[in-house]
Each structure stands twice: as structure tokens, then as C-alpha cells.
Amino acid sequence: MEQSRFIAKKFEYSIYQDTLINLFEIDITRYKRLISEKDLIIFSLETKITNLNSIQTNDQLHIDELNKTIKKKDKQIKRGKFVKWILGTGLAVASGILILK
């Protein structure tokens, strides 16, 4: 009788241990899946960061080129104004000379 109780307790204990082992294995599988998802998300975010940095660099290069274009246009406008001023002054002087003669 005592031996059968002992065997029953050991059997019950081993079933309990098997249940715990199965639960732990399920938890381990779940944690591994979560870790792989986390790694995938991290990789995706790092890729996004790289892409955003490339976009920022390209935008800065584009802004620099536009600033160069604006400087060129400003020089052309100033040069055009200067030429018009010289022509106007020359015309006024020539008109003044013709009027005086």
C-alpha cells in the first residue's frame, strides 16, 4: 500500500514536471518568435533611418544647387542693371551734348 502511494506520488510529480517542461518549451518558442520579430523591426527601422539620411543628404545637395543658381541669377540681374545704367547715362550724356551743340 505504501509503495503504491509512493509510486503514485512519483508518477504525479513526473506528470507535473512534464507539464511544466511543456509550458516552458511553449514559452521558449514564443520568446524566440518575439526576438526574431524584434530583430526584424530593428532591421526595418535601421533601413528607414538609412533611407531618410539619404533623402536628407539629397535634399541638402539640391538646396545647395538652388542657392548656386540663385547667386548666378542675381549676378546676371546686377550685370543687366549695370549695363542699363551705363546705357542710360551714355544716352543722357549724348543727348546733352547734342542739345548743347
Protein backbone atom coordinates (compact mmCIF):
# COMPACT_ATOMS: atom_id res chain seq x y z
CA MET A 1 0.00 0.00 0.00
CA GLU A 2 2.75 2.39 1.00
CA GLN A 3 4.72 1.53 -2.11
CA SER A 4 1.75 2.19 -4.36
CA ARG A 5 1.25 5.63 -2.71
CA PHE A 6 4.93 6.37 -3.20
CA ILE A 7 4.73 5.31 -6.85
CA ALA A 8 1.54 7.32 -7.35
CA LYS A 9 3.17 10.43 -5.84
CA LYS A 10 6.26 9.99 -8.02
CA PHE A 11 4.07 9.43 -11.07
CA GLU A 12 2.02 12.54 -10.25
CA TYR A 13 5.20 14.54 -9.70
CA SER A 14 6.64 13.40 -13.04
CA ILE A 15 3.40 14.36 -14.83
CA TYR A 16 3.60 17.78 -13.16
CA GLN A 17 7.21 18.13 -14.28
CA ASP A 18 6.31 17.12 -17.84
CA THR A 19 3.54 19.72 -17.86
CA LEU A 20 5.96 22.38 -16.64
CA ILE A 21 8.51 21.35 -19.24
CA ASN A 22 5.90 21.61 -21.99
CA LEU A 23 4.82 25.04 -20.74
CA PHE A 24 8.42 26.21 -20.63
CA GLU A 25 9.04 24.90 -24.14
CA ILE A 26 5.99 26.82 -25.38
CA ASP A 27 7.27 29.94 -23.61
CA ILE A 28 10.74 29.48 -25.14
CA THR A 29 9.23 29.11 -28.62
CA ARG A 30 7.12 32.22 -28.06
CA TYR A 31 10.15 34.20 -26.83
CA LYS A 32 12.24 33.09 -29.82
CA ARG A 33 9.48 34.23 -32.17
CA LEU A 34 9.25 37.58 -30.37
CA ILE A 35 13.02 38.03 -30.55
CA SER A 36 13.02 37.33 -34.29
CA GLU A 37 10.16 39.83 -34.77
CA LYS A 38 12.07 42.39 -32.69
CA ASP A 39 15.18 41.86 -34.81
CA LEU A 40 13.13 42.26 -37.98
CA ILE A 41 11.61 45.50 -36.68
CA ILE A 42 15.05 46.81 -35.71
CA PHE A 43 16.41 45.99 -39.17
CA SER A 44 13.43 47.68 -40.79
CA LEU A 45 13.89 50.81 -38.67
CA GLU A 46 17.62 50.92 -39.41
CA THR A 47 16.81 50.69 -43.13
CA LYS A 48 14.34 53.55 -42.75
CA ILE A 49 16.97 55.62 -40.95
CA THR A 50 19.47 54.97 -43.75
CA ASN A 51 16.89 55.94 -46.38
CA LEU A 52 15.92 59.09 -44.50
CA ASN A 53 19.58 60.07 -44.18
CA SER A 54 19.99 59.60 -47.94
CA ILE A 55 16.92 61.73 -48.58
CA GLN A 56 18.23 64.44 -46.25
CA THR A 57 21.62 64.42 -47.99
CA ASN A 58 19.97 64.63 -51.42
CA ASP A 59 17.73 67.48 -50.25
CA GLN A 60 20.74 69.38 -48.92
CA LEU A 61 22.59 68.91 -52.22
CA HIS A 62 19.51 70.12 -54.07
CA ILE A 63 19.27 73.20 -51.81
CA ASP A 64 22.95 73.94 -52.39
CA GLU A 65 22.48 73.73 -56.17
CA LEU A 66 19.45 76.01 -55.99
CA ASN A 67 21.44 78.53 -53.94
CA LYS A 68 24.17 78.49 -56.60
CA THR A 69 21.56 79.07 -59.30
CA ILE A 70 20.09 81.98 -57.31
CA LYS A 71 23.55 83.56 -56.96
CA LYS A 72 24.13 83.24 -60.71
CA LYS A 73 20.76 84.82 -61.47
CA ASP A 74 21.45 87.67 -59.01
CA LYS A 75 24.78 88.34 -60.74
CA GLN A 76 23.06 88.37 -64.14
CA ILE A 77 20.40 90.77 -62.87
CA LYS A 78 23.00 93.09 -61.33
CA ARG A 79 25.04 92.97 -64.52
CA GLY A 80 21.93 93.74 -66.57
CA LYS A 81 21.06 96.68 -64.30
CA PHE A 82 24.62 97.98 -64.58
CA VAL A 83 24.56 97.73 -68.37
CA LYS A 84 21.19 99.53 -68.47
CA TRP A 85 22.53 102.23 -66.14
CA ILE A 86 25.62 102.74 -68.33
CA LEU A 87 23.50 102.86 -71.50
CA GLY A 88 21.07 105.31 -69.88
CA THR A 89 23.92 107.50 -68.65
CA GLY A 90 25.62 107.36 -72.07
CA LEU A 91 22.36 108.23 -73.76
CA ALA A 92 21.79 111.15 -71.38
CA VAL A 93 25.34 112.45 -71.97
CA ALA A 94 24.97 112.05 -75.76
CA SER A 95 21.61 113.82 -75.65
CA GLY A 96 23.10 116.58 -73.53
CA ILE A 97 25.97 117.02 -75.98
CA LEU A 98 23.62 117.11 -78.97
CA ILE A 99 21.37 119.64 -77.24
CA LEU A 100 24.35 121.87 -76.41
CA LYS A 101 25.61 121.88 -79.97
